[in-house]
Amino acid sequence: MSEKECNLRIAASIYGQFAWNGRTFRDGDCVALLDGKIVAVAGNADDAIATLRALDPDPHRGMVIEVSHPVVDVIR
């Protein structure tokens, strides 16, 4: 499984259950993922990205997600 696939699997769990591997998250948390691991949880995206880039400066690696409840779009 690639790094991206691992990170996406974790992100899907966090979005769906607000949890991953026994760890829970709150609405508004920004979670940095790298190599299939959670490397930071911050109150804003800038802090999460700064931590991620301090660990790996390559902008093509890792991801940051914002934990939130799904938004339903209604089109009439």
C-alpha atoms as a PDB file:
ATOM      1  CA  MET A   1       0.000   0.000   0.000  1.00  0.00           C
ATOM      2  CA  SER A   2       1.395   3.408  -0.944  1.00  0.00           C
ATOM      3  CA  GLU A   3       1.856   6.277   1.506  1.00  0.00           C
ATOM      4  CA  LYS A   4      -1.060   8.128  -0.086  1.00  0.00           C
ATOM      5  CA  GLU A   5      -3.349   5.094   0.260  1.00  0.00           C
ATOM      6  CA  CYS A   6      -2.379   4.676   3.934  1.00  0.00           C
ATOM      7  CA  ASN A   7      -2.988   8.355   4.653  1.00  0.00           C
ATOM      8  CA  LEU A   8      -6.346   8.270   2.830  1.00  0.00           C
ATOM      9  CA  ARG A   9      -7.425   5.195   4.837  1.00  0.00           C
ATOM     10  CA  ILE A  10      -6.693   7.014   8.099  1.00  0.00           C
ATOM     11  CA  ALA A  11      -8.397  10.185   6.828  1.00  0.00           C
ATOM     12  CA  ALA A  12     -11.534   8.228   5.898  1.00  0.00           C
ATOM     13  CA  SER A  13     -11.723   6.740   9.389  1.00  0.00           C
ATOM     14  CA  ILE A  14     -11.236  10.122  11.028  1.00  0.00           C
ATOM     15  CA  TYR A  15     -13.935  11.704   8.836  1.00  0.00           C
ATOM     16  CA  GLY A  16     -16.392   8.859   9.385  1.00  0.00           C
ATOM     17  CA  GLN A  17     -15.829   8.050  13.050  1.00  0.00           C
ATOM     18  CA  PHE A  18     -13.838  10.993  14.476  1.00  0.00           C
ATOM     19  CA  ALA A  19     -11.375   8.332  15.613  1.00  0.00           C
ATOM     20  CA  TRP A  20      -8.365   6.305  14.543  1.00  0.00           C
ATOM     21  CA  ASN A  21      -6.549   3.523  16.380  1.00  0.00           C
ATOM     22  CA  GLY A  22      -8.095   4.399  19.760  1.00  0.00           C
ATOM     23  CA  ARG A  23      -7.496   8.128  19.383  1.00  0.00           C
ATOM     24  CA  THR A  24     -10.446  10.514  19.103  1.00  0.00           C
ATOM     25  CA  PHE A  25     -10.674  13.901  17.414  1.00  0.00           C
ATOM     26  CA  ARG A  26     -12.886  16.962  17.763  1.00  0.00           C
ATOM     27  CA  ASP A  27     -14.646  19.021  15.151  1.00  0.00           C
ATOM     28  CA  GLY A  28     -12.143  21.604  13.880  1.00  0.00           C
ATOM     29  CA  ASP A  29      -8.958  19.624  14.648  1.00  0.00           C
ATOM     30  CA  CYS A  30      -6.361  19.709  11.869  1.00  0.00           C
ATOM     31  CA  VAL A  31      -4.566  16.388  11.573  1.00  0.00           C
ATOM     32  CA  ALA A  32      -1.230  15.979   9.786  1.00  0.00           C
ATOM     33  CA  LEU A  33      -0.547  12.556   8.273  1.00  0.00           C
ATOM     34  CA  LEU A  34       2.808  11.258   7.043  1.00  0.00           C
ATOM     35  CA  ASP A  35       3.822   7.709   6.127  1.00  0.00           C
ATOM     36  CA  GLY A  36       0.494   6.331   7.343  1.00  0.00           C
ATOM     37  CA  LYS A  37       0.892   7.897  10.799  1.00  0.00           C
ATOM     38  CA  ILE A  38      -0.610  10.846  12.613  1.00  0.00           C
ATOM     39  CA  VAL A  39       2.275  13.257  13.195  1.00  0.00           C
ATOM     40  CA  ALA A  40       0.391  16.292  14.536  1.00  0.00           C
ATOM     41  CA  VAL A  41      -2.991  17.492  15.723  1.00  0.00           C
ATOM     42  CA  ALA A  42      -3.412  21.259  15.807  1.00  0.00           C
ATOM     43  CA  GLY A  43      -6.124  23.837  16.191  1.00  0.00           C
ATOM     44  CA  ASN A  44      -5.440  25.305  12.744  1.00  0.00           C
ATOM     45  CA  ALA A  45      -4.090  24.148   9.394  1.00  0.00           C
ATOM     46  CA  ASP A  46      -1.032  26.437   9.465  1.00  0.00           C
ATOM     47  CA  ASP A  47       0.312  24.820  12.634  1.00  0.00           C
ATOM     48  CA  ALA A  48      -0.380  21.310  11.339  1.00  0.00           C
ATOM     49  CA  ILE A  49       1.368  22.079   8.036  1.00  0.00           C
ATOM     50  CA  ALA A  50       4.345  23.649   9.831  1.00  0.00           C
ATOM     51  CA  THR A  51       4.802  20.497  11.917  1.00  0.00           C
ATOM     52  CA  LEU A  52       4.424  18.267   8.856  1.00  0.00           C
ATOM     53  CA  ARG A  53       6.990  20.281   6.853  1.00  0.00           C
ATOM     54  CA  ALA A  54       9.425  20.291   9.790  1.00  0.00           C
ATOM     55  CA  LEU A  55       9.368  16.484   9.634  1.00  0.00           C
ATOM     56  CA  ASP A  56       9.476  16.283   5.827  1.00  0.00           C
ATOM     57  CA  PRO A  57       9.932  19.383   3.661  1.00  0.00           C
ATOM     58  CA  ASP A  58       8.784  17.625   0.456  1.00  0.00           C
ATOM     59  CA  PRO A  59       5.403  19.202  -0.446  1.00  0.00           C
ATOM     60  CA  HIS A  60       4.423  16.035  -2.337  1.00  0.00           C
ATOM     61  CA  ARG A  61       4.432  13.916   0.831  1.00  0.00           C
ATOM     62  CA  GLY A  62       1.932  13.827   3.655  1.00  0.00           C
ATOM     63  CA  MET A  63      -1.415  15.548   4.017  1.00  0.00           C
ATOM     64  CA  VAL A  64      -3.387  17.680   6.435  1.00  0.00           C
ATOM     65  CA  ILE A  65      -7.102  17.182   6.967  1.00  0.00           C
ATOM     66  CA  GLU A  66      -9.600  19.236   8.941  1.00  0.00           C
ATOM     67  CA  VAL A  67     -11.952  17.138  11.026  1.00  0.00           C
ATOM     68  CA  SER A  68     -15.564  18.158  10.414  1.00  0.00           C
ATOM     69  CA  HIS A  69     -19.039  16.764  10.171  1.00  0.00           C
ATOM     70  CA  PRO A  70     -20.168  16.053   6.616  1.00  0.00           C
ATOM     71  CA  VAL A  71     -22.082  18.820   4.885  1.00  0.00           C
ATOM     72  CA  VAL A  72     -25.122  17.819   2.899  1.00  0.00           C
ATOM     73  CA  ASP A  73     -25.768  19.808  -0.251  1.00  0.00           C
ATOM     74  CA  VAL A  74     -29.377  19.965  -1.368  1.00  0.00           C
ATOM     75  CA  ILE A  75     -30.037  20.814  -4.981  1.00  0.00           C
ATOM     76  CA  ARG A  76     -33.593  21.444  -6.066  1.00  0.00           C
END
